[in-house]
Amino acid sequence: MGAFHISTQAACPLVAPELYQIALSLGPDDTSCRRFWNNQTYAAISVDFWNPKCLITLFNTLECSDPGIVSGTGGCWWPDGGIKAYKATCPYRDW
């Protein structure tokens, strides 16, 4: 699906970034709410590459209970409220 880096500091370029890679092996219909290790809250994200038929949605809550913010296919930014969890989905897939 893609890869992104995250940081605990709201700054671009990212400071001390951590890499997350999302593979299609999770299943294209998997809508699980995924938390970061140790329930860490991150401040900024930089999407390195992402399948344009897939979405990464960022959440301010650990349960993905807020409306979420859909990240674009690239670039660095920091959402208000930080990033506590995410969902990776492929609603536009054709496979």
C-alpha atoms as a PDB file:
ATOM      1  CA  MET A   1       0.000   0.000   0.000  1.00  0.00           C
ATOM      2  CA  GLY A   2       2.673   2.465   0.991  1.00  0.00           C
ATOM      3  CA  ALA A   3       4.957   3.916   3.617  1.00  0.00           C
ATOM      4  CA  PHE A   4       5.068   6.942   5.835  1.00  0.00           C
ATOM      5  CA  HIS A   5       7.274   8.465   8.505  1.00  0.00           C
ATOM      6  CA  ILE A   6       5.978   9.996  11.723  1.00  0.00           C
ATOM      7  CA  SER A   7       7.504  12.213  14.381  1.00  0.00           C
ATOM      8  CA  THR A   8       6.586  13.350  17.883  1.00  0.00           C
ATOM      9  CA  GLN A   9       7.491  16.921  16.925  1.00  0.00           C
ATOM     10  CA  ALA A  10       5.267  19.100  14.719  1.00  0.00           C
ATOM     11  CA  ALA A  11       7.875  20.108  12.169  1.00  0.00           C
ATOM     12  CA  CYS A  12       8.643  19.518   8.516  1.00  0.00           C
ATOM     13  CA  PRO A  13      11.053  18.109   7.621  1.00  0.00           C
ATOM     14  CA  LEU A  14      10.414  15.539  10.351  1.00  0.00           C
ATOM     15  CA  VAL A  15      12.622  15.386  13.431  1.00  0.00           C
ATOM     16  CA  ALA A  16      13.752  11.856  14.419  1.00  0.00           C
ATOM     17  CA  PRO A  17      11.229  10.168  12.103  1.00  0.00           C
ATOM     18  CA  GLU A  18       9.992   6.603  12.542  1.00  0.00           C
ATOM     19  CA  LEU A  19       9.080   4.501   9.491  1.00  0.00           C
ATOM     20  CA  TYR A  20       5.772   2.646   9.066  1.00  0.00           C
ATOM     21  CA  GLN A  21       5.122   0.445   6.054  1.00  0.00           C
ATOM     22  CA  ILE A  22       1.659  -0.833   5.193  1.00  0.00           C
ATOM     23  CA  ALA A  23       1.382  -3.905   2.973  1.00  0.00           C
ATOM     24  CA  LEU A  24      -1.621  -5.241   1.114  1.00  0.00           C
ATOM     25  CA  SER A  25      -1.169  -8.418   3.137  1.00  0.00           C
ATOM     26  CA  LEU A  26      -3.350  -6.708   5.752  1.00  0.00           C
ATOM     27  CA  GLY A  27      -6.204  -7.354   3.355  1.00  0.00           C
ATOM     28  CA  PRO A  28      -7.849  -4.805   1.089  1.00  0.00           C
ATOM     29  CA  ASP A  29     -11.064  -4.828   3.134  1.00  0.00           C
ATOM     30  CA  ASP A  30      -9.369  -4.507   6.513  1.00  0.00           C
ATOM     31  CA  THR A  31     -10.682  -1.387   8.275  1.00  0.00           C
ATOM     32  CA  SER A  32      -8.972  -2.047  11.622  1.00  0.00           C
ATOM     33  CA  CYS A  33      -8.075   0.862  13.845  1.00  0.00           C
ATOM     34  CA  ARG A  34      -4.307   0.664  14.275  1.00  0.00           C
ATOM     35  CA  ARG A  35      -2.497   2.245  17.193  1.00  0.00           C
ATOM     36  CA  PHE A  36       1.165   3.078  17.334  1.00  0.00           C
ATOM     37  CA  TRP A  37       3.554   1.168  19.562  1.00  0.00           C
ATOM     38  CA  ASN A  38       2.989   1.882  23.253  1.00  0.00           C
ATOM     39  CA  ASN A  39      -0.042   4.057  22.335  1.00  0.00           C
ATOM     40  CA  GLN A  40       2.382   6.841  21.393  1.00  0.00           C
ATOM     41  CA  THR A  41       0.918  10.099  20.099  1.00  0.00           C
ATOM     42  CA  TYR A  42       2.690  11.592  17.092  1.00  0.00           C
ATOM     43  CA  ALA A  43       2.553  15.166  15.872  1.00  0.00           C
ATOM     44  CA  ALA A  44       3.586  15.034  12.212  1.00  0.00           C
ATOM     45  CA  ILE A  45       3.448  12.677   9.249  1.00  0.00           C
ATOM     46  CA  SER A  46       5.294  12.521   5.966  1.00  0.00           C
ATOM     47  CA  VAL A  47       3.800  10.166   3.394  1.00  0.00           C
ATOM     48  CA  ASP A  48       6.677   8.773   1.346  1.00  0.00           C
ATOM     49  CA  PHE A  49       4.641   6.814  -1.175  1.00  0.00           C
ATOM     50  CA  TRP A  50       1.090   5.538  -1.253  1.00  0.00           C
ATOM     51  CA  ASN A  51      -1.072   3.580  -3.667  1.00  0.00           C
ATOM     52  CA  PRO A  52      -3.453   6.193  -5.161  1.00  0.00           C
ATOM     53  CA  LYS A  53      -6.331   3.690  -4.861  1.00  0.00           C
ATOM     54  CA  CYS A  54      -5.822   3.533  -1.107  1.00  0.00           C
ATOM     55  CA  LEU A  55      -6.314   5.972   1.772  1.00  0.00           C
ATOM     56  CA  ILE A  56      -4.659   6.537   5.107  1.00  0.00           C
ATOM     57  CA  THR A  57      -6.965   8.125   7.661  1.00  0.00           C
ATOM     58  CA  LEU A  58      -5.421   9.667  10.778  1.00  0.00           C
ATOM     59  CA  PHE A  59      -7.232   9.867  14.115  1.00  0.00           C
ATOM     60  CA  ASN A  60      -6.865  11.962  17.274  1.00  0.00           C
ATOM     61  CA  THR A  61      -8.291   9.145  19.416  1.00  0.00           C
ATOM     62  CA  LEU A  62      -6.909   5.688  20.185  1.00  0.00           C
ATOM     63  CA  GLU A  63     -10.215   4.045  19.176  1.00  0.00           C
ATOM     64  CA  CYS A  64     -10.537   5.879  15.817  1.00  0.00           C
ATOM     65  CA  SER A  65     -13.792   7.326  17.196  1.00  0.00           C
ATOM     66  CA  ASP A  66     -13.316  10.874  15.861  1.00  0.00           C
ATOM     67  CA  PRO A  67     -14.182  11.668  12.205  1.00  0.00           C
ATOM     68  CA  GLY A  68     -10.550  11.297  11.127  1.00  0.00           C
ATOM     69  CA  ILE A  69      -8.480  13.190   8.587  1.00  0.00           C
ATOM     70  CA  VAL A  70      -7.654  11.601   5.235  1.00  0.00           C
ATOM     71  CA  SER A  71      -4.021  12.108   4.326  1.00  0.00           C
ATOM     72  CA  GLY A  72      -3.034  12.887   0.772  1.00  0.00           C
ATOM     73  CA  THR A  73      -0.753  10.755  -1.351  1.00  0.00           C
ATOM     74  CA  GLY A  74       2.411  12.542  -0.303  1.00  0.00           C
ATOM     75  CA  GLY A  75       3.998  15.324   1.628  1.00  0.00           C
ATOM     76  CA  CYS A  76       4.672  16.346   5.189  1.00  0.00           C
ATOM     77  CA  TRP A  77       2.160  17.979   7.555  1.00  0.00           C
ATOM     78  CA  TRP A  78       0.861  17.941  11.111  1.00  0.00           C
ATOM     79  CA  PRO A  79      -2.838  17.604  11.928  1.00  0.00           C
ATOM     80  CA  ASP A  80      -4.402  19.485  14.844  1.00  0.00           C
ATOM     81  CA  GLY A  81      -4.677  17.260  17.894  1.00  0.00           C
ATOM     82  CA  GLY A  82      -1.874  14.901  16.895  1.00  0.00           C
ATOM     83  CA  ILE A  83      -2.019  11.364  15.541  1.00  0.00           C
ATOM     84  CA  LYS A  84      -2.940   8.550  17.933  1.00  0.00           C
ATOM     85  CA  ALA A  85      -4.209   5.928  15.475  1.00  0.00           C
ATOM     86  CA  TYR A  86      -4.788   5.288  11.771  1.00  0.00           C
ATOM     87  CA  LYS A  87      -6.696   3.173   9.281  1.00  0.00           C
ATOM     88  CA  ALA A  88      -5.335   2.071   5.916  1.00  0.00           C
ATOM     89  CA  THR A  89      -8.043   1.173   3.377  1.00  0.00           C
ATOM     90  CA  CYS A  90      -8.327   0.717  -0.378  1.00  0.00           C
ATOM     91  CA  PRO A  91     -11.843   1.831  -1.372  1.00  0.00           C
ATOM     92  CA  TYR A  92     -10.860   2.533  -4.984  1.00  0.00           C
ATOM     93  CA  ARG A  93      -9.103  -0.743  -5.720  1.00  0.00           C
ATOM     94  CA  ASP A  94      -9.795  -2.744  -8.840  1.00  0.00           C
ATOM     95  CA  TRP A  95      -8.109  -6.013  -7.915  1.00  0.00           C
END
